[in-house]
Amino acid sequence: MITHREIRDAIDRLRTMSPDSVLTPGLVYRSLGYRPRCGGCLSHVVQIIHGLPAEEAAAGAQPCCCQAGGCACMAGADIREPELAEG
């Protein structure tokens, strides 16, 4: 499961390890061992990187290809590759 807190904690760790690095959603996801399915939540991660509170970041997330069922990335569904999710 990926949560706002996991993303926030990953951002904090990355900033501590390398304060001069440019943080990207891809870097955050890789540090967590996740891989987004549709990319619809990437704008949400960018907003978290920029320090928006959870509610504002979620409200600004862009619609994604799995909109009808809700974005698996934001619904707390496990979005890791199957071999990572099982291990």
PDB file of N, CA and C in Angstrom:
ATOM      1  N   MET A   1       0.835  -1.176   0.000  1.00  0.00           N
ATOM      2  CA  MET A   1       0.000   0.000   0.000  1.00  0.00           C
ATOM      3  C   MET A   1       0.885   1.246   0.000  1.00  0.00           C
ATOM      4  N   ILE A   2       0.494   2.229  -0.762  1.00  0.00           N
ATOM      5  CA  ILE A   2       1.223   3.489  -0.741  1.00  0.00           C
ATOM      6  C   ILE A   2       0.321   4.542  -0.111  1.00  0.00           C
ATOM      7  N   THR A   3       0.891   5.298   0.793  1.00  0.00           N
ATOM      8  CA  THR A   3       0.112   6.306   1.502  1.00  0.00           C
ATOM      9  C   THR A   3       0.795   7.662   1.399  1.00  0.00           C
ATOM     10  N   HIS A   4       0.034   8.698   1.726  1.00  0.00           N
ATOM     11  CA  HIS A   4       0.589  10.050   1.756  1.00  0.00           C
ATOM     12  C   HIS A   4       1.782  10.086   2.708  1.00  0.00           C
ATOM     13  N   ARG A   5       1.649   9.422   3.836  1.00  0.00           N
ATOM     14  CA  ARG A   5       2.724   9.421   4.832  1.00  0.00           C
ATOM     15  C   ARG A   5       3.986   8.760   4.287  1.00  0.00           C
ATOM     16  N   GLU A   6       3.839   7.649   3.571  1.00  0.00           N
ATOM     17  CA  GLU A   6       5.008   6.989   2.968  1.00  0.00           C
ATOM     18  C   GLU A   6       5.706   7.934   1.995  1.00  0.00           C
ATOM     19  N   ILE A   7       4.907   8.612   1.188  1.00  0.00           N
ATOM     20  CA  ILE A   7       5.477   9.544   0.214  1.00  0.00           C
ATOM     21  C   ILE A   7       6.195  10.668   0.940  1.00  0.00           C
ATOM     22  N   ARG A   8       5.545  11.241   1.948  1.00  0.00           N
ATOM     23  CA  ARG A   8       6.128  12.340   2.728  1.00  0.00           C
ATOM     24  C   ARG A   8       7.428  11.880   3.396  1.00  0.00           C
ATOM     25  N   ASP A   9       7.417  10.694   4.009  1.00  0.00           N
ATOM     26  CA  ASP A   9       8.616  10.173   4.671  1.00  0.00           C
ATOM     27  C   ASP A   9       9.743   9.931   3.675  1.00  0.00           C
ATOM     28  N   ALA A  10       9.403   9.410   2.493  1.00  0.00           N
ATOM     29  CA  ALA A  10      10.419   9.179   1.458  1.00  0.00           C
ATOM     30  C   ALA A  10      11.041  10.499   1.025  1.00  0.00           C
ATOM     31  N   ILE A  11      10.215  11.519   0.858  1.00  0.00           N
ATOM     32  CA  ILE A  11      10.717  12.841   0.474  1.00  0.00           C
ATOM     33  C   ILE A  11      11.658  13.365   1.548  1.00  0.00           C
ATOM     34  N   ASP A  12      11.269  13.235   2.803  1.00  0.00           N
ATOM     35  CA  ASP A  12      12.121  13.691   3.905  1.00  0.00           C
ATOM     36  C   ASP A  12      13.456  12.955   3.917  1.00  0.00           C
ATOM     37  N   ARG A  13      13.424  11.624   3.720  1.00  0.00           N
ATOM     38  CA  ARG A  13      14.672  10.836   3.683  1.00  0.00           C
ATOM     39  C   ARG A  13      15.565  11.276   2.526  1.00  0.00           C
ATOM     40  N   LEU A  14      14.961  11.440   1.348  1.00  0.00           N
ATOM     41  CA  LEU A  14      15.740  11.835   0.175  1.00  0.00           C
ATOM     42  C   LEU A  14      16.366  13.211   0.368  1.00  0.00           C
ATOM     43  N   ARG A  15      15.633  14.126   0.963  1.00  0.00           N
ATOM     44  CA  ARG A  15      16.172  15.473   1.212  1.00  0.00           C
ATOM     45  C   ARG A  15      17.302  15.430   2.234  1.00  0.00           C
ATOM     46  N   THR A  16      17.191  14.553   3.218  1.00  0.00           N
ATOM     47  CA  THR A  16      18.234  14.425   4.227  1.00  0.00           C
ATOM     48  C   THR A  16      19.499  13.818   3.624  1.00  0.00           C
ATOM     49  N   MET A  17      19.318  12.776   2.803  1.00  0.00           N
ATOM     50  CA  MET A  17      20.461  12.088   2.195  1.00  0.00           C
ATOM     51  C   MET A  17      21.179  12.963   1.177  1.00  0.00           C
ATOM     52  N   SER A  18      20.432  13.762   0.440  1.00  0.00           N
ATOM     53  CA  SER A  18      21.023  14.563  -0.629  1.00  0.00           C
ATOM     54  C   SER A  18      20.253  15.877  -0.778  1.00  0.00           C
ATOM     55  N   PRO A  19      20.553  16.850   0.076  1.00  0.00           N
ATOM     56  CA  PRO A  19      19.790  18.094   0.101  1.00  0.00           C
ATOM     57  C   PRO A  19      19.794  18.878  -1.212  1.00  0.00           C
ATOM     58  N   ASP A  20      20.805  18.676  -2.042  1.00  0.00           N
ATOM     59  CA  ASP A  20      20.898  19.434  -3.290  1.00  0.00           C
ATOM     60  C   ASP A  20      20.254  18.730  -4.476  1.00  0.00           C
ATOM     61  N   SER A  21      19.746  17.529  -4.266  1.00  0.00           N
ATOM     62  CA  SER A  21      19.116  16.782  -5.362  1.00  0.00           C
ATOM     63  C   SER A  21      17.767  17.384  -5.725  1.00  0.00           C
ATOM     64  N   VAL A  22      17.443  17.280  -7.007  1.00  0.00           N
ATOM     65  CA  VAL A  22      16.121  17.678  -7.479  1.00  0.00           C
ATOM     66  C   VAL A  22      15.213  16.466  -7.327  1.00  0.00           C
ATOM     67  N   LEU A  23      14.173  16.619  -6.527  1.00  0.00           N
ATOM     68  CA  LEU A  23      13.257  15.502  -6.302  1.00  0.00           C
ATOM     69  C   LEU A  23      12.230  15.432  -7.419  1.00  0.00           C
ATOM     70  N   THR A  24      12.006  14.228  -7.893  1.00  0.00           N
ATOM     71  CA  THR A  24      10.997  13.975  -8.921  1.00  0.00           C
ATOM     72  C   THR A  24      10.087  12.860  -8.419  1.00  0.00           C
ATOM     73  N   PRO A  25       8.876  12.767  -8.959  1.00  0.00           N
ATOM     74  CA  PRO A  25       8.008  11.662  -8.560  1.00  0.00           C
ATOM     75  C   PRO A  25       8.673  10.302  -8.801  1.00  0.00           C
ATOM     76  N   GLY A  26       9.389  10.163  -9.914  1.00  0.00           N
ATOM     77  CA  GLY A  26      10.059   8.898 -10.212  1.00  0.00           C
ATOM     78  C   GLY A  26      11.073   8.519  -9.149  1.00  0.00           C
ATOM     79  N   LEU A  27      11.838   9.497  -8.699  1.00  0.00           N
ATOM     80  CA  LEU A  27      12.831   9.247  -7.656  1.00  0.00           C
ATOM     81  C   LEU A  27      12.147   8.822  -6.353  1.00  0.00           C
ATOM     82  N   VAL A  28      11.056   9.488  -6.023  1.00  0.00           N
ATOM     83  CA  VAL A  28      10.308   9.147  -4.810  1.00  0.00           C
ATOM     84  C   VAL A  28       9.764   7.724  -4.910  1.00  0.00           C
ATOM     85  N   TYR A  29       9.132   7.404  -6.044  1.00  0.00           N
ATOM     86  CA  TYR A  29       8.587   6.053  -6.221  1.00  0.00           C
ATOM     87  C   TYR A  29       9.685   4.997  -6.156  1.00  0.00           C
ATOM     88  N   ARG A  30      10.807   5.239  -6.832  1.00  0.00           N
ATOM     89  CA  ARG A  30      11.904   4.262  -6.815  1.00  0.00           C
ATOM     90  C   ARG A  30      12.422   4.040  -5.401  1.00  0.00           C
ATOM     91  N   SER A  31      12.510   5.115  -4.629  1.00  0.00           N
ATOM     92  CA  SER A  31      13.022   4.965  -3.264  1.00  0.00           C
ATOM     93  C   SER A  31      12.092   4.113  -2.401  1.00  0.00           C
ATOM     94  N   LEU A  32      10.814   4.053  -2.779  1.00  0.00           N
ATOM     95  CA  LEU A  32       9.836   3.240  -2.051  1.00  0.00           C
ATOM     96  C   LEU A  32       9.679   1.841  -2.639  1.00  0.00           C
ATOM     97  N   GLY A  33      10.272   1.616  -3.809  1.00  0.00           N
ATOM     98  CA  GLY A  33      10.114   0.330  -4.470  1.00  0.00           C
ATOM     99  C   GLY A  33       8.794   0.202  -5.202  1.00  0.00           C
ATOM    100  N   TYR A  34       8.176   1.339  -5.528  1.00  0.00           N
ATOM    101  CA  TYR A  34       6.896   1.349  -6.229  1.00  0.00           C
ATOM    102  C   TYR A  34       7.073   1.780  -7.679  1.00  0.00           C
ATOM    103  N   ARG A  35       6.052   1.481  -8.461  1.00  0.00           N
ATOM    104  CA  ARG A  35       6.022   1.905  -9.856  1.00  0.00           C
ATOM    105  C   ARG A  35       4.573   2.279 -10.182  1.00  0.00           C
ATOM    106  N   PRO A  36       4.311   3.547 -10.560  1.00  0.00           N
ATOM    107  CA  PRO A  36       2.925   3.936 -10.837  1.00  0.00           C
ATOM    108  C   PRO A  36       2.362   3.184 -12.033  1.00  0.00           C
ATOM    109  N   ARG A  37       1.092   2.841 -11.955  1.00  0.00           N
ATOM    110  CA  ARG A  37       0.451   2.119 -13.054  1.00  0.00           C
ATOM    111  C   ARG A  37       0.073   3.054 -14.192  1.00  0.00           C
ATOM    112  N   CYS A  38      -0.633   4.137 -13.890  1.00  0.00           N
ATOM    113  CA  CYS A  38      -1.151   4.987 -14.963  1.00  0.00           C
ATOM    114  C   CYS A  38      -0.531   6.378 -14.952  1.00  0.00           C
ATOM    115  N   GLY A  39       0.090   6.779 -13.882  1.00  0.00           N
ATOM    116  CA  GLY A  39       0.705   8.097 -13.799  1.00  0.00           C
ATOM    117  C   GLY A  39      -0.237   9.197 -13.353  1.00  0.00           C
ATOM    118  N   GLY A  40      -1.493   8.869 -13.135  1.00  0.00           N
ATOM    119  CA  GLY A  40      -2.456   9.880 -12.727  1.00  0.00           C
ATOM    120  C   GLY A  40      -2.151  10.512 -11.381  1.00  0.00           C
ATOM    121  N   CYS A  41      -1.422   9.812 -10.549  1.00  0.00           N
ATOM    122  CA  CYS A  41      -1.125  10.331  -9.217  1.00  0.00           C
ATOM    123  C   CYS A  41       0.194  11.107  -9.178  1.00  0.00           C
ATOM    124  N   LEU A  42       0.912  11.168 -10.277  1.00  0.00           N
ATOM    125  CA  LEU A  42       2.211  11.840 -10.255  1.00  0.00           C
ATOM    126  C   LEU A  42       2.084  13.316  -9.894  1.00  0.00           C
ATOM    127  N   SER A  43       1.015  13.972 -10.354  1.00  0.00           N
ATOM    128  CA  SER A  43       0.840  15.385  -9.993  1.00  0.00           C
ATOM    129  C   SER A  43       0.613  15.522  -8.488  1.00  0.00           C
ATOM    130  N   HIS A  44      -0.018  14.529  -7.890  1.00  0.00           N
ATOM    131  CA  HIS A  44      -0.222  14.515  -6.436  1.00  0.00           C
ATOM    132  C   HIS A  44       1.134  14.450  -5.728  1.00  0.00           C
ATOM    133  N   VAL A  45       2.018  13.596  -6.210  1.00  0.00           N
ATOM    134  CA  VAL A  45       3.345  13.459  -5.607  1.00  0.00           C
ATOM    135  C   VAL A  45       4.123  14.761  -5.764  1.00  0.00           C
ATOM    136  N   VAL A  46       4.020  15.408  -6.916  1.00  0.00           N
ATOM    137  CA  VAL A  46       4.688  16.697  -7.130  1.00  0.00           C
ATOM    138  C   VAL A  46       4.196  17.709  -6.098  1.00  0.00           C
ATOM    139  N   GLN A  47       2.901  17.732  -5.860  1.00  0.00           N
ATOM    140  CA  GLN A  47       2.352  18.674  -4.882  1.00  0.00           C
ATOM    141  C   GLN A  47       2.847  18.365  -3.473  1.00  0.00           C
ATOM    142  N   ILE A  48       3.005  17.098  -3.147  1.00  0.00           N
ATOM    143  CA  ILE A  48       3.555  16.737  -1.836  1.00  0.00           C
ATOM    144  C   ILE A  48       5.014  17.187  -1.762  1.00  0.00           C
ATOM    145  N   ILE A  49       5.772  16.988  -2.837  1.00  0.00           N
ATOM    146  CA  ILE A  49       7.168  17.434  -2.881  1.00  0.00           C
ATOM    147  C   ILE A  49       7.248  18.931  -2.595  1.00  0.00           C
ATOM    148  N   HIS A  50       6.288  19.680  -3.117  1.00  0.00           N
ATOM    149  CA  HIS A  50       6.280  21.134  -2.924  1.00  0.00           C
ATOM    150  C   HIS A  50       5.679  21.559  -1.590  1.00  0.00           C
ATOM    151  N   GLY A  51       5.278  20.582  -0.772  1.00  0.00           N
ATOM    152  CA  GLY A  51       4.872  20.870   0.589  1.00  0.00           C
ATOM    153  C   GLY A  51       3.409  21.154   0.834  1.00  0.00           C
ATOM    154  N   LEU A  52       2.530  20.812  -0.094  1.00  0.00           N
ATOM    155  CA  LEU A  52       1.105  21.032   0.144  1.00  0.00           C
ATOM    156  C   LEU A  52       0.571  20.028   1.155  1.00  0.00           C
ATOM    157  N   PRO A  53      -0.382  20.441   1.994  1.00  0.00           N
ATOM    158  CA  PRO A  53      -1.022  19.490   2.911  1.00  0.00           C
ATOM    159  C   PRO A  53      -1.732  18.386   2.138  1.00  0.00           C
ATOM    160  N   ALA A  54      -1.952  17.258   2.769  1.00  0.00           N
ATOM    161  CA  ALA A  54      -2.537  16.079   2.116  1.00  0.00           C
ATOM    162  C   ALA A  54      -3.844  16.390   1.409  1.00  0.00           C
ATOM    163  N   GLU A  55      -4.728  17.149   2.051  1.00  0.00           N
ATOM    164  CA  GLU A  55      -6.035  17.418   1.459  1.00  0.00           C
ATOM    165  C   GLU A  55      -5.906  18.247   0.186  1.00  0.00           C
ATOM    166  N   GLU A  56      -5.043  19.270   0.214  1.00  0.00           N
ATOM    167  CA  GLU A  56      -4.856  20.113  -0.965  1.00  0.00           C
ATOM    168  C   GLU A  56      -4.189  19.329  -2.085  1.00  0.00           C
ATOM    169  N   ALA A  57      -3.228  18.495  -1.750  1.00  0.00           N
ATOM    170  CA  ALA A  57      -2.542  17.706  -2.773  1.00  0.00           C
ATOM    171  C   ALA A  57      -3.508  16.739  -3.437  1.00  0.00           C
ATOM    172  N   ALA A  58      -4.354  16.080  -2.652  1.00  0.00           N
ATOM    173  CA  ALA A  58      -5.322  15.138  -3.216  1.00  0.00           C
ATOM    174  C   ALA A  58      -6.339  15.860  -4.083  1.00  0.00           C
ATOM    175  N   ALA A  59      -6.751  17.051  -3.673  1.00  0.00           N
ATOM    176  CA  ALA A  59      -7.736  17.809  -4.445  1.00  0.00           C
ATOM    177  C   ALA A  59      -7.173  18.243  -5.789  1.00  0.00           C
ATOM    178  N   GLY A  60      -5.849  18.430  -5.869  1.00  0.00           N
ATOM    179  CA  GLY A  60      -5.235  18.889  -7.104  1.00  0.00           C
ATOM    180  C   GLY A  60      -4.785  17.776  -8.025  1.00  0.00           C
ATOM    181  N   ALA A  61      -4.977  16.523  -7.631  1.00  0.00           N
ATOM    182  CA  ALA A  61      -4.541  15.399  -8.463  1.00  0.00           C
ATOM    183  C   ALA A  61      -5.328  15.381  -9.765  1.00  0.00           C
ATOM    184  N   GLN A  62      -4.646  15.076 -10.839  1.00  0.00           N
ATOM    185  CA  GLN A  62      -5.269  15.046 -12.159  1.00  0.00           C
ATOM    186  C   GLN A  62      -6.036  13.746 -12.365  1.00  0.00           C
ATOM    187  N   PRO A  63      -7.120  13.798 -13.159  1.00  0.00           N
ATOM    188  CA  PRO A  63      -7.812  12.550 -13.503  1.00  0.00           C
ATOM    189  C   PRO A  63      -6.845  11.611 -14.228  1.00  0.00           C
ATOM    190  N   CYS A  64      -7.072  10.340 -14.093  1.00  0.00           N
ATOM    191  CA  CYS A  64      -6.161   9.395 -14.723  1.00  0.00           C
ATOM    192  C   CYS A  64      -6.929   8.349 -15.508  1.00  0.00           C
ATOM    193  N   CYS A  65      -6.192   7.455 -16.151  1.00  0.00           N
ATOM    194  CA  CYS A  65      -6.816   6.477 -17.036  1.00  0.00           C
ATOM    195  C   CYS A  65      -7.705   5.487 -16.296  1.00  0.00           C
ATOM    196  N   CYS A  66      -7.556   5.366 -14.998  1.00  0.00           N
ATOM    197  CA  CYS A  66      -8.417   4.440 -14.260  1.00  0.00           C
ATOM    198  C   CYS A  66      -9.442   5.214 -13.444  1.00  0.00           C
ATOM    199  N   GLN A  67      -9.829   6.398 -13.945  1.00  0.00           N
ATOM    200  CA  GLN A  67     -10.755   7.281 -13.239  1.00  0.00           C
ATOM    201  C   GLN A  67     -12.063   6.592 -12.869  1.00  0.00           C
ATOM    202  N   ALA A  68     -12.602   5.775 -13.750  1.00  0.00           N
ATOM    203  CA  ALA A  68     -13.902   5.144 -13.489  1.00  0.00           C
ATOM    204  C   ALA A  68     -13.876   4.337 -12.201  1.00  0.00           C
ATOM    205  N   GLY A  69     -12.792   3.624 -11.972  1.00  0.00           N
ATOM    206  CA  GLY A  69     -12.688   2.817 -10.763  1.00  0.00           C
ATOM    207  C   GLY A  69     -11.891   3.492  -9.679  1.00  0.00           C
ATOM    208  N   GLY A  70     -11.435   4.703  -9.928  1.00  0.00           N
ATOM    209  CA  GLY A  70     -10.564   5.392  -8.992  1.00  0.00           C
ATOM    210  C   GLY A  70      -9.133   4.957  -9.216  1.00  0.00           C
ATOM    211  N   CYS A  71      -8.231   5.869  -9.087  1.00  0.00           N
ATOM    212  CA  CYS A  71      -6.823   5.581  -9.348  1.00  0.00           C
ATOM    213  C   CYS A  71      -6.284   4.616  -8.299  1.00  0.00           C
ATOM    214  N   ALA A  72      -5.797   3.484  -8.736  1.00  0.00           N
ATOM    215  CA  ALA A  72      -5.234   2.495  -7.813  1.00  0.00           C
ATOM    216  C   ALA A  72      -4.053   3.085  -7.057  1.00  0.00           C
ATOM    217  N   CYS A  73      -3.367   4.022  -7.681  1.00  0.00           N
ATOM    218  CA  CYS A  73      -2.207   4.640  -7.053  1.00  0.00           C
ATOM    219  C   CYS A  73      -2.619   5.459  -5.830  1.00  0.00           C
ATOM    220  N   MET A  74      -3.783   6.099  -5.888  1.00  0.00           N
ATOM    221  CA  MET A  74      -4.220   6.967  -4.808  1.00  0.00           C
ATOM    222  C   MET A  74      -5.185   6.276  -3.853  1.00  0.00           C
ATOM    223  N   ALA A  75      -5.748   5.162  -4.264  1.00  0.00           N
ATOM    224  CA  ALA A  75      -6.726   4.476  -3.419  1.00  0.00           C
ATOM    225  C   ALA A  75      -6.055   3.624  -2.354  1.00  0.00           C
ATOM    226  N   GLY A  76      -4.743   3.652  -2.312  1.00  0.00           N
ATOM    227  CA  GLY A  76      -4.034   2.851  -1.338  1.00  0.00           C
ATOM    228  C   GLY A  76      -3.787   1.435  -1.824  1.00  0.00           C
ATOM    229  N   ALA A  77      -4.130   1.163  -3.090  1.00  0.00           N
ATOM    230  CA  ALA A  77      -3.883  -0.167  -3.641  1.00  0.00           C
ATOM    231  C   ALA A  77      -2.386  -0.365  -3.806  1.00  0.00           C
ATOM    232  N   ASP A  78      -1.964  -1.585  -3.725  1.00  0.00           N
ATOM    233  CA  ASP A  78      -0.553  -1.905  -3.887  1.00  0.00           C
ATOM    234  C   ASP A  78      -0.202  -1.769  -5.355  1.00  0.00           C
ATOM    235  N   ILE A  79       0.659  -0.795  -5.684  1.00  0.00           N
ATOM    236  CA  ILE A  79       0.973  -0.541  -7.088  1.00  0.00           C
ATOM    237  C   ILE A  79       2.362  -1.041  -7.460  1.00  0.00           C
ATOM    238  N   ARG A  80       2.981  -1.789  -6.566  1.00  0.00           N
ATOM    239  CA  ARG A  80       4.293  -2.340  -6.894  1.00  0.00           C
ATOM    240  C   ARG A  80       4.140  -3.462  -7.900  1.00  0.00           C
ATOM    241  N   GLU A  81       5.227  -3.755  -8.560  1.00  0.00           N
ATOM    242  CA  GLU A  81       5.239  -4.888  -9.473  1.00  0.00           C
ATOM    243  C   GLU A  81       4.928  -6.145  -8.658  1.00  0.00           C
ATOM    244  N   PRO A  82       4.243  -7.132  -9.236  1.00  0.00           N
ATOM    245  CA  PRO A  82       3.824  -8.319  -8.470  1.00  0.00           C
ATOM    246  C   PRO A  82       4.942  -8.985  -7.679  1.00  0.00           C
ATOM    247  N   GLU A  83       6.140  -9.088  -8.253  1.00  0.00           N
ATOM    248  CA  GLU A  83       7.216  -9.758  -7.526  1.00  0.00           C
ATOM    249  C   GLU A  83       7.657  -8.943  -6.316  1.00  0.00           C
ATOM    250  N   LEU A  84       7.525  -7.605  -6.373  1.00  0.00           N
ATOM    251  CA  LEU A  84       7.866  -6.772  -5.227  1.00  0.00           C
ATOM    252  C   LEU A  84       6.747  -6.804  -4.189  1.00  0.00           C
ATOM    253  N   ALA A  85       5.502  -6.858  -4.653  1.00  0.00           N
ATOM    254  CA  ALA A  85       4.360  -6.853  -3.745  1.00  0.00           C
ATOM    255  C   ALA A  85       4.329  -8.115  -2.893  1.00  0.00           C
ATOM    256  N   GLU A  86       4.753  -9.230  -3.463  1.00  0.00           N
ATOM    257  CA  GLU A  86       4.714 -10.498  -2.738  1.00  0.00           C
ATOM    258  C   GLU A  86       5.858 -10.634  -1.755  1.00  0.00           C
ATOM    259  N   GLY A  87       6.997 -10.003  -2.065  1.00  0.00           N
ATOM    260  CA  GLY A  87       8.186 -10.176  -1.230  1.00  0.00           C
ATOM    261  C   GLY A  87       8.276  -9.222  -0.171  1.00  0.00           C
TER     262      GLY A  87
END
